[in-house]
Protein backbone atom coordinates (compact mmCIF):
# COMPACT_ATOMS: atom_id res chain seq x y z
CA GLU A 1 21.73 11.90 -18.38
CA LEU A 2 24.21 13.51 -20.75
CA VAL A 3 24.36 12.47 -24.39
CA GLU A 4 27.05 13.75 -26.73
CA SER A 5 26.81 13.97 -30.49
CA GLY A 6 28.65 15.56 -33.39
CA GLY A 7 31.91 13.66 -33.37
CA GLY A 8 33.49 12.43 -36.57
CA SER A 9 36.54 12.50 -38.75
CA VAL A 10 37.87 15.67 -40.40
CA GLN A 11 41.07 16.86 -41.96
CA PRO A 12 43.48 19.20 -40.18
CA GLY A 13 42.19 22.74 -40.30
CA GLY A 14 38.60 21.60 -40.37
CA SER A 15 35.77 22.24 -37.92
CA LEU A 16 33.31 20.25 -35.87
CA ARG A 17 30.53 21.17 -33.47
CA LEU A 18 29.84 18.88 -30.57
CA SER A 19 26.53 18.91 -28.74
CA CYS A 20 25.56 17.55 -25.35
CA ALA A 21 21.91 17.08 -24.45
CA ALA A 22 21.25 17.15 -20.71
CA SER A 23 18.17 15.66 -19.11
CA GLY A 24 16.97 14.68 -15.67
CA HIS A 25 18.89 16.00 -12.69
CA THR A 26 21.78 17.14 -14.84
CA GLY A 27 19.52 19.76 -16.36
CA SER A 28 19.58 21.67 -13.10
CA ARG A 29 23.36 21.54 -12.67
CA TYR A 30 25.18 24.72 -13.63
CA LEU A 31 28.83 23.95 -14.14
CA MET A 32 29.30 22.14 -17.41
CA GLY A 33 32.35 21.24 -19.35
CA TRP A 34 34.04 19.25 -22.06
CA PHE A 35 36.85 16.85 -21.38
CA ARG A 36 38.84 14.68 -23.75
CA GLN A 37 40.98 11.60 -23.55
CA SER A 38 43.38 10.10 -26.07
CA PRO A 39 44.70 6.54 -25.87
CA GLY A 40 47.50 6.36 -23.34
CA LYS A 41 46.83 9.83 -21.98
CA GLU A 42 44.96 11.13 -18.97
CA ARG A 43 41.62 12.79 -19.32
CA GLU A 44 41.98 16.57 -19.58
CA GLY A 45 39.58 19.44 -19.26
CA VAL A 46 39.10 21.30 -22.52
CA ALA A 47 36.54 23.98 -21.76
CA GLY A 48 34.10 24.90 -19.01
CA ILE A 49 31.12 27.20 -18.59
CA ASP A 50 29.59 28.10 -15.25
CA SER A 51 26.21 29.28 -14.03
CA VAL A 52 26.73 32.90 -15.01
CA GLY A 53 28.22 32.10 -18.38
CA ARG A 54 31.87 32.56 -17.61
CA THR A 55 34.08 30.36 -19.74
CA SER A 56 37.52 28.85 -19.36
CA TYR A 57 39.70 27.01 -21.84
CA ALA A 58 42.76 24.85 -21.80
CA ASP A 59 45.74 26.67 -23.31
CA SER A 60 45.94 24.11 -26.10
CA VAL A 61 42.50 25.05 -27.45
CA LYS A 62 42.26 28.77 -26.71
CA ASP A 63 41.20 30.84 -29.71
CA ARG A 64 40.18 27.67 -31.57
CA PHE A 65 37.38 26.18 -29.44
CA THR A 66 34.25 27.89 -28.12
CA ILE A 67 31.97 26.49 -25.44
CA SER A 68 28.39 27.65 -25.17
CA LYS A 69 25.04 26.49 -23.93
CA ASP A 70 21.40 26.93 -24.78
CA ALA A 71 20.65 30.04 -22.75
CA ALA A 72 16.93 29.50 -22.75
CA LYS A 73 16.85 26.10 -21.10
CA ASN A 74 20.40 25.30 -20.03
CA THR A 75 19.85 21.81 -21.35
CA THR A 76 22.20 21.73 -24.33
CA LEU A 77 25.94 22.30 -24.24
CA TYR A 78 28.01 22.94 -27.34
CA LEU A 79 31.66 22.91 -28.29
CA GLN A 80 32.57 24.61 -31.55
CA MET A 81 35.98 23.38 -32.64
CA ASN A 82 37.82 25.23 -35.41
CA ASN A 83 41.25 24.85 -36.96
CA LEU A 84 41.45 21.29 -35.71
CA ARG A 85 44.82 19.63 -35.35
CA PRO A 86 45.84 15.97 -35.28
CA GLU A 87 46.59 16.34 -31.57
CA ASP A 88 42.93 17.17 -30.97
CA THR A 89 42.10 13.56 -31.79
CA ALA A 90 40.38 12.09 -28.74
CA THR A 91 37.13 10.93 -27.26
CA TYR A 92 35.29 13.99 -26.02
CA TYR A 93 33.11 13.82 -22.94
CA CYS A 94 30.46 16.17 -21.66
CA ALA A 95 30.25 16.55 -17.89
CA ALA A 96 28.14 18.41 -15.36
CA GLY A 97 28.95 19.49 -11.83
CA PRO A 98 27.80 21.61 -8.90
CA GLY A 99 26.64 25.12 -9.68
CA ASP A 100 28.84 26.74 -7.09
CA TRP A 101 32.05 25.85 -8.92
CA THR A 102 33.52 28.26 -11.46
CA SER A 103 34.40 27.47 -15.05
CA GLY A 104 38.10 27.32 -14.24
CA THR A 105 37.46 24.16 -12.28
CA VAL A 106 37.00 22.22 -15.49
CA VAL A 107 40.42 23.03 -16.90
CA ALA A 108 42.30 22.95 -13.61
CA PRO A 109 44.42 19.91 -12.69
CA ASN A 110 42.18 17.04 -11.60
CA GLY A 111 39.11 19.04 -12.63
CA GLU A 112 37.33 15.85 -13.62
CA TYR A 113 36.91 14.94 -9.96
CA ALA A 114 34.65 17.95 -9.45
CA MET A 115 32.13 16.69 -11.97
CA ASP A 116 29.19 14.53 -10.97
CA TYR A 117 27.70 13.38 -14.25
CA TRP A 118 29.30 12.19 -17.46
CA GLY A 119 28.27 11.32 -20.96
CA LYS A 120 29.59 8.27 -22.76
CA GLY A 121 31.73 10.28 -25.14
CA THR A 122 31.98 10.99 -28.84
CA LEU A 123 35.06 10.26 -30.93
CA VAL A 124 36.81 13.04 -32.82
CA THR A 125 39.50 12.05 -35.32
CA ILE A 126 41.69 14.57 -37.11
CA SER A 127 43.62 13.04 -39.93
CA SER A 128 44.69 13.79 -43.46
């Protein structure tokens, strides 16, 4: 099971930190990532982190978002989001996939199909 938290409403330029608590079988999966979906748009991969800690980001969030995980237990995934923009408004989903995939899988086209487990999402709204 994956459970996201930390969503909310902030002004442009603000920051939020999303968390994803993993339990059960998902705790042993190694590729993890954040996806987002806005109304009328397809789900897109935002950031991924693989079993050895390599990270990948979508171009739209590079240098603003940072993905990380609890190194001790690999059971909590984070997404630090800085300098938020109105176009970052979306529902953000945590996902977990097979450990033999690399972080780039998350942000590649159709990356969502590589993931096996999904959270229910947390809403992030950027508005002045």
